[in-house]
Amino acid sequence: MADKIDTFTPAPVSEDSGYIGADPSLLIVDDDGPFLRRLARAMETRGFSVETAESVAEGIAKAKGTPPKYAVVDLRLGDGSGLDVIAAIRQRRDDTRIIMLTGYGNIATAVNAVKLGAVDYLAKPADADEIFAALTQKPGEKAELPENPMSADRVRWEHIQRVYEMCDRNVSETARRLNMHRRTLQRILAKRAPK
C-alpha cells in the first residue's frame, strides 16, 4: 500500500506554521513497521526527537519510562488497544499532545480517545504533513477540512489492503474475513488504488 509519507518536504518550524517548543520528544506507537519507520524519519526531519514502539506493551513501557511531550498512537495494535497507551501517558504527564491514528474510524472510539486525552483523531492513511499540523496546532485552532476527501472506493480499497496485511498477505484468509469470494478479492488486489 502506498503511503503519502514517502514524499514530503521539511516544514519550517516557526510560530506560524507549527511550533514544537523546548521539549521535542515524540512517541509513535504503530504495529505497521514500514509506516512506523517512514513516519519516524519524517518527524525527525521536522525537528522531533522520536521514540517508536510496535505494541501496546512497548508503548506503555516507553510512556512510563520517559513520558513524551507529543505522541502519535494507532488505535488497533496486535496486542490490544492504543487507548491503553494514551491512558498510560496521561498517568505520567498531562500536557502531552496526543494524536490517535486509525484505519477504523468511528464516533465512539473518537469520543473515547478524546476523553482519555487525545487532542485529535486522524484516519489512516494520514501523511506526515497532516500529523505534524495536528501535533503543533494551537489550542482552539480548528483543523482545515480536506480539499479532496477520500472517495468511497478508496476507503473500501484501503480497508481491504489493511485486512490483507493483517492476514500476512494470505488471500484465502483475507477473503474469509471480508466475507467475499477469493477470485473477487484477487481481482481487487490486482488493480491500482482508486483516487
C-alpha atoms as a PDB file:
ATOM      1  CA  MET A   1       0.000   0.000   0.000  1.00  0.00           C
ATOM      2  CA  ALA A   2       1.444   3.342  -0.992  1.00  0.00           C
ATOM      3  CA  ASP A   3       1.614   5.906   1.785  1.00  0.00           C
ATOM      4  CA  LYS A   4       1.932   9.618   1.209  1.00  0.00           C
ATOM      5  CA  ILE A   5       4.597   9.713   3.925  1.00  0.00           C
ATOM      6  CA  ASP A   6       7.290   8.673   1.426  1.00  0.00           C
ATOM      7  CA  THR A   7       7.211  12.108  -0.179  1.00  0.00           C
ATOM      8  CA  PHE A   8       7.349  15.189   1.971  1.00  0.00           C
ATOM      9  CA  THR A   9       9.120  18.475   2.250  1.00  0.00           C
ATOM     10  CA  PRO A  10      10.501  19.527   5.624  1.00  0.00           C
ATOM     11  CA  ALA A  11       8.191  22.018   7.290  1.00  0.00           C
ATOM     12  CA  PRO A  12       9.752  25.144   8.736  1.00  0.00           C
ATOM     13  CA  VAL A  13       9.455  25.295  12.494  1.00  0.00           C
ATOM     14  CA  SER A  14       8.015  28.722  13.189  1.00  0.00           C
ATOM     15  CA  GLU A  15       5.244  30.264  15.235  1.00  0.00           C
ATOM     16  CA  ASP A  16       3.005  30.495  12.150  1.00  0.00           C
ATOM     17  CA  SER A  17       3.360  27.014  10.673  1.00  0.00           C
ATOM     18  CA  GLY A  18       3.666  24.997  13.850  1.00  0.00           C
ATOM     19  CA  TYR A  19       5.937  25.296  16.843  1.00  0.00           C
ATOM     20  CA  ILE A  20       7.396  22.258  18.596  1.00  0.00           C
ATOM     21  CA  GLY A  21       8.766  24.033  21.670  1.00  0.00           C
ATOM     22  CA  ALA A  22      11.596  23.258  24.081  1.00  0.00           C
ATOM     23  CA  ASP A  23      10.667  19.571  24.505  1.00  0.00           C
ATOM     24  CA  PRO A  24      10.642  17.846  21.081  1.00  0.00           C
ATOM     25  CA  SER A  25      10.083  14.307  22.454  1.00  0.00           C
ATOM     26  CA  LEU A  26       7.654  12.289  20.323  1.00  0.00           C
ATOM     27  CA  LEU A  27       6.462   8.716  20.852  1.00  0.00           C
ATOM     28  CA  ILE A  28       4.979   6.944  17.822  1.00  0.00           C
ATOM     29  CA  VAL A  29       3.135   3.679  18.508  1.00  0.00           C
ATOM     30  CA  ASP A  30       2.055   1.655  15.461  1.00  0.00           C
ATOM     31  CA  ASP A  31       2.306  -2.042  14.590  1.00  0.00           C
ATOM     32  CA  ASP A  32       2.727  -1.348  10.854  1.00  0.00           C
ATOM     33  CA  GLY A  33       6.552  -1.449  10.748  1.00  0.00           C
ATOM     34  CA  PRO A  34       7.157   0.234   7.361  1.00  0.00           C
ATOM     35  CA  PHE A  35       4.632   3.010   8.127  1.00  0.00           C
ATOM     36  CA  LEU A  36       6.160   3.492  11.592  1.00  0.00           C
ATOM     37  CA  ARG A  37       9.708   3.849  10.226  1.00  0.00           C
ATOM     38  CA  ARG A  38       8.667   6.272   7.453  1.00  0.00           C
ATOM     39  CA  LEU A  39       6.686   8.426   9.867  1.00  0.00           C
ATOM     40  CA  ALA A  40       9.553   8.424  12.395  1.00  0.00           C
ATOM     41  CA  ARG A  41      12.005   9.623   9.717  1.00  0.00           C
ATOM     42  CA  ALA A  42       9.553  12.292   8.544  1.00  0.00           C
ATOM     43  CA  MET A  43       9.005  13.597  12.082  1.00  0.00           C
ATOM     44  CA  GLU A  44      12.763  13.622  12.855  1.00  0.00           C
ATOM     45  CA  THR A  45      13.250  15.786   9.756  1.00  0.00           C
ATOM     46  CA  ARG A  46      10.668  18.188  11.171  1.00  0.00           C
ATOM     47  CA  GLY A  47      12.614  18.591  14.424  1.00  0.00           C
ATOM     48  CA  PHE A  48      11.178  15.943  16.755  1.00  0.00           C
ATOM     49  CA  SER A  49      13.244  13.578  18.904  1.00  0.00           C
ATOM     50  CA  VAL A  50      11.440  10.315  18.070  1.00  0.00           C
ATOM     51  CA  GLU A  51      10.940   7.100  20.056  1.00  0.00           C
ATOM     52  CA  THR A  52       8.964   4.256  18.444  1.00  0.00           C
ATOM     53  CA  ALA A  53       7.002   1.277  19.722  1.00  0.00           C
ATOM     54  CA  GLU A  54       5.256  -1.506  17.797  1.00  0.00           C
ATOM     55  CA  SER A  55       2.959  -2.808  20.545  1.00  0.00           C
ATOM     56  CA  VAL A  56       0.779  -1.688  23.441  1.00  0.00           C
ATOM     57  CA  ALA A  57       3.208  -3.221  25.950  1.00  0.00           C
ATOM     58  CA  GLU A  58       6.227  -1.455  24.409  1.00  0.00           C
ATOM     59  CA  GLY A  59       4.301   1.827  24.143  1.00  0.00           C
ATOM     60  CA  ILE A  60       3.240   1.691  27.799  1.00  0.00           C
ATOM     61  CA  ALA A  61       6.788   0.852  28.903  1.00  0.00           C
ATOM     62  CA  LYS A  62       8.241   3.828  26.972  1.00  0.00           C
ATOM     63  CA  ALA A  63       5.462   6.131  28.209  1.00  0.00           C
ATOM     64  CA  LYS A  64       6.159   5.162  31.818  1.00  0.00           C
ATOM     65  CA  GLY A  65       9.928   5.438  31.409  1.00  0.00           C
ATOM     66  CA  THR A  66      10.069   8.859  29.800  1.00  0.00           C
ATOM     67  CA  PRO A  67       6.643  10.354  29.087  1.00  0.00           C
ATOM     68  CA  PRO A  68       6.801  12.311  25.801  1.00  0.00           C
ATOM     69  CA  LYS A  69       5.583  15.830  25.057  1.00  0.00           C
ATOM     70  CA  TYR A  70       3.969  14.542  21.835  1.00  0.00           C
ATOM     71  CA  ALA A  71       2.516  11.150  20.877  1.00  0.00           C
ATOM     72  CA  VAL A  72       1.011   9.538  17.792  1.00  0.00           C
ATOM     73  CA  VAL A  73      -0.789   6.319  18.682  1.00  0.00           C
ATOM     74  CA  ASP A  74      -2.526   3.782  16.432  1.00  0.00           C
ATOM     75  CA  LEU A  75      -5.882   2.614  17.797  1.00  0.00           C
ATOM     76  CA  ARG A  76      -5.648  -1.070  16.923  1.00  0.00           C
ATOM     77  CA  LEU A  77      -2.397  -2.803  17.722  1.00  0.00           C
ATOM     78  CA  GLY A  78      -1.520  -6.500  17.614  1.00  0.00           C
ATOM     79  CA  ASP A  79      -1.629  -6.896  21.401  1.00  0.00           C
ATOM     80  CA  GLY A  80      -4.511  -4.585  22.263  1.00  0.00           C
ATOM     81  CA  SER A  81      -5.832  -1.037  22.045  1.00  0.00           C
ATOM     82  CA  GLY A  82      -3.857   2.174  21.669  1.00  0.00           C
ATOM     83  CA  LEU A  83      -6.298   3.708  24.159  1.00  0.00           C
ATOM     84  CA  ASP A  84      -4.296   1.879  26.882  1.00  0.00           C
ATOM     85  CA  VAL A  85      -1.143   3.697  25.743  1.00  0.00           C
ATOM     86  CA  ILE A  86      -2.968   7.053  25.925  1.00  0.00           C
ATOM     87  CA  ALA A  87      -4.115   6.243  29.473  1.00  0.00           C
ATOM     88  CA  ALA A  88      -0.527   5.326  30.478  1.00  0.00           C
ATOM     89  CA  ILE A  89       0.841   8.587  29.033  1.00  0.00           C
ATOM     90  CA  ARG A  90      -1.832  10.631  30.853  1.00  0.00           C
ATOM     91  CA  GLN A  91      -0.967   8.949  34.183  1.00  0.00           C
ATOM     92  CA  ARG A  92       2.592  10.300  33.912  1.00  0.00           C
ATOM     93  CA  ARG A  93       2.154  13.579  32.019  1.00  0.00           C
ATOM     94  CA  ASP A  94      -0.937  15.723  31.494  1.00  0.00           C
ATOM     95  CA  ASP A  95       0.462  18.166  28.910  1.00  0.00           C
ATOM     96  CA  THR A  96       1.263  15.596  26.184  1.00  0.00           C
ATOM     97  CA  ARG A  97      -0.330  16.373  22.805  1.00  0.00           C
ATOM     98  CA  ILE A  98      -1.672  13.018  21.616  1.00  0.00           C
ATOM     99  CA  ILE A  99      -2.944  12.183  18.138  1.00  0.00           C
ATOM    100  CA  MET A 100      -4.916   8.958  17.637  1.00  0.00           C
ATOM    101  CA  LEU A 101      -4.479   7.254  14.241  1.00  0.00           C
ATOM    102  CA  THR A 102      -6.778   4.593  12.939  1.00  0.00           C
ATOM    103  CA  GLY A 103      -7.904   2.811   9.819  1.00  0.00           C
ATOM    104  CA  TYR A 104     -11.171   2.043  11.601  1.00  0.00           C
ATOM    105  CA  GLY A 105     -12.754   5.394  12.273  1.00  0.00           C
ATOM    106  CA  ASN A 106     -15.985   5.585  14.237  1.00  0.00           C
ATOM    107  CA  ILE A 107     -17.545   8.156  16.520  1.00  0.00           C
ATOM    108  CA  ALA A 108     -17.499   6.007  19.680  1.00  0.00           C
ATOM    109  CA  THR A 109     -13.744   5.434  19.556  1.00  0.00           C
ATOM    110  CA  ALA A 110     -13.072   9.077  18.670  1.00  0.00           C
ATOM    111  CA  VAL A 111     -15.078  10.189  21.732  1.00  0.00           C
ATOM    112  CA  ASN A 112     -13.283   7.636  23.919  1.00  0.00           C
ATOM    113  CA  ALA A 113      -9.855   8.757  22.662  1.00  0.00           C
ATOM    114  CA  VAL A 114     -10.671  12.403  23.365  1.00  0.00           C
ATOM    115  CA  LYS A 115     -11.999  11.580  26.851  1.00  0.00           C
ATOM    116  CA  LEU A 116      -8.702   9.814  27.611  1.00  0.00           C
ATOM    117  CA  GLY A 117      -6.739  12.846  26.444  1.00  0.00           C
ATOM    118  CA  ALA A 118      -6.150  12.710  22.692  1.00  0.00           C
ATOM    119  CA  VAL A 119      -6.238  16.150  21.072  1.00  0.00           C
ATOM    120  CA  ASP A 120      -7.038  14.907  17.573  1.00  0.00           C
ATOM    121  CA  TYR A 121      -8.145  11.823  15.689  1.00  0.00           C
ATOM    122  CA  LEU A 122      -6.828  11.145  12.158  1.00  0.00           C
ATOM    123  CA  ALA A 123      -7.890   8.404   9.761  1.00  0.00           C
ATOM    124  CA  LYS A 124      -5.207   6.364   8.039  1.00  0.00           C
ATOM    125  CA  PRO A 125      -3.551   6.873   5.711  1.00  0.00           C
ATOM    126  CA  ALA A 126      -2.601  10.223   7.226  1.00  0.00           C
ATOM    127  CA  ASP A 127       0.501  11.854   5.784  1.00  0.00           C
ATOM    128  CA  ALA A 128       3.367  13.433   7.716  1.00  0.00           C
ATOM    129  CA  ASP A 129       2.145  16.974   6.991  1.00  0.00           C
ATOM    130  CA  GLU A 130      -1.320  16.241   8.451  1.00  0.00           C
ATOM    131  CA  ILE A 131       0.191  14.627  11.544  1.00  0.00           C
ATOM    132  CA  PHE A 132       2.686  17.496  12.049  1.00  0.00           C
ATOM    133  CA  ALA A 133      -0.124  20.048  11.688  1.00  0.00           C
ATOM    134  CA  ALA A 134      -2.283  18.196  14.226  1.00  0.00           C
ATOM    135  CA  LEU A 135       0.604  17.892  16.715  1.00  0.00           C
ATOM    136  CA  THR A 136       1.575  21.569  16.508  1.00  0.00           C
ATOM    137  CA  GLN A 137      -1.912  23.049  16.242  1.00  0.00           C
ATOM    138  CA  LYS A 138      -2.502  25.863  18.715  1.00  0.00           C
ATOM    139  CA  PRO A 139      -5.236  25.307  21.334  1.00  0.00           C
ATOM    140  CA  GLY A 140      -8.615  26.381  19.976  1.00  0.00           C
ATOM    141  CA  GLU A 141      -7.380  26.379  16.380  1.00  0.00           C
ATOM    142  CA  LYS A 142      -9.644  24.443  14.053  1.00  0.00           C
ATOM    143  CA  ALA A 143      -8.246  21.963  11.558  1.00  0.00           C
ATOM    144  CA  GLU A 144      -8.972  22.672   7.913  1.00  0.00           C
ATOM    145  CA  LEU A 145     -11.296  20.323   6.097  1.00  0.00           C
ATOM    146  CA  PRO A 146      -9.536  18.226   3.455  1.00  0.00           C
ATOM    147  CA  GLU A 147      -9.861  19.634  -0.057  1.00  0.00           C
ATOM    148  CA  ASN A 148     -10.212  16.181  -1.598  1.00  0.00           C
ATOM    149  CA  PRO A 149     -11.621  13.671   0.890  1.00  0.00           C
ATOM    150  CA  MET A 150     -11.124  10.005   0.021  1.00  0.00           C
ATOM    151  CA  SER A 151     -13.706   8.512  -2.291  1.00  0.00           C
ATOM    152  CA  ALA A 152     -15.843   5.615  -1.100  1.00  0.00           C
ATOM    153  CA  ASP A 153     -13.919   3.342  -3.480  1.00  0.00           C
ATOM    154  CA  ARG A 154     -10.620   4.449  -1.962  1.00  0.00           C
ATOM    155  CA  VAL A 155     -11.883   3.889   1.601  1.00  0.00           C
ATOM    156  CA  ARG A 156     -13.032   0.380   0.611  1.00  0.00           C
ATOM    157  CA  TRP A 157      -9.693  -0.338  -1.074  1.00  0.00           C
ATOM    158  CA  GLU A 158      -7.746   0.899   1.992  1.00  0.00           C
ATOM    159  CA  HIS A 159      -9.805  -1.336   4.285  1.00  0.00           C
ATOM    160  CA  ILE A 160      -9.208  -4.376   2.066  1.00  0.00           C
ATOM    161  CA  GLN A 161      -5.460  -3.636   1.976  1.00  0.00           C
ATOM    162  CA  ARG A 162      -5.342  -3.309   5.770  1.00  0.00           C
ATOM    163  CA  VAL A 163      -7.083  -6.655   6.306  1.00  0.00           C
ATOM    164  CA  TYR A 164      -4.853  -8.248   3.643  1.00  0.00           C
ATOM    165  CA  GLU A 165      -1.748  -7.057   5.509  1.00  0.00           C
ATOM    166  CA  MET A 166      -3.204  -8.212   8.858  1.00  0.00           C
ATOM    167  CA  CYS A 167      -3.605 -11.676   7.327  1.00  0.00           C
ATOM    168  CA  ASP A 168       0.077 -11.707   6.256  1.00  0.00           C
ATOM    169  CA  ARG A 169      -0.943 -11.329   2.599  1.00  0.00           C
ATOM    170  CA  ASN A 170      -2.905 -14.584   2.656  1.00  0.00           C
ATOM    171  CA  VAL A 171      -5.651 -14.172   0.030  1.00  0.00           C
ATOM    172  CA  SER A 172      -7.826 -17.060   1.290  1.00  0.00           C
ATOM    173  CA  GLU A 173      -7.801 -15.835   4.901  1.00  0.00           C
ATOM    174  CA  THR A 174      -8.439 -12.237   3.813  1.00  0.00           C
ATOM    175  CA  ALA A 175     -11.391 -13.324   1.635  1.00  0.00           C
ATOM    176  CA  ARG A 176     -12.822 -15.324   4.559  1.00  0.00           C
ATOM    177  CA  ARG A 177     -12.524 -12.361   6.974  1.00  0.00           C
ATOM    178  CA  LEU A 178     -14.040  -9.935   4.459  1.00  0.00           C
ATOM    179  CA  ASN A 179     -16.787 -12.412   3.575  1.00  0.00           C
ATOM    180  CA  MET A 180     -16.066 -12.191  -0.141  1.00  0.00           C
ATOM    181  CA  HIS A 181     -15.209 -14.639  -2.891  1.00  0.00           C
ATOM    182  CA  ARG A 182     -11.484 -15.360  -3.272  1.00  0.00           C
ATOM    183  CA  ARG A 183     -11.453 -14.543  -7.013  1.00  0.00           C
ATOM    184  CA  THR A 184     -13.232 -11.226  -6.438  1.00  0.00           C
ATOM    185  CA  LEU A 185     -10.595 -10.324  -3.850  1.00  0.00           C
ATOM    186  CA  GLN A 186      -7.771 -11.318  -6.219  1.00  0.00           C
ATOM    187  CA  ARG A 187      -9.195  -9.006  -8.917  1.00  0.00           C
ATOM    188  CA  ILE A 188      -9.394  -6.112  -6.430  1.00  0.00           C
ATOM    189  CA  LEU A 189      -5.839  -6.721  -5.213  1.00  0.00           C
ATOM    190  CA  ALA A 190      -4.522  -6.788  -8.791  1.00  0.00           C
ATOM    191  CA  LYS A 191      -5.884  -3.289  -9.531  1.00  0.00           C
ATOM    192  CA  ARG A 192      -4.294   0.015  -8.624  1.00  0.00           C
ATOM    193  CA  ALA A 193      -5.641   2.075  -5.759  1.00  0.00           C
ATOM    194  CA  PRO A 194      -8.616   4.217  -6.779  1.00  0.00           C
ATOM    195  CA  LYS A 195      -8.258   8.003  -6.478  1.00  0.00           C
END
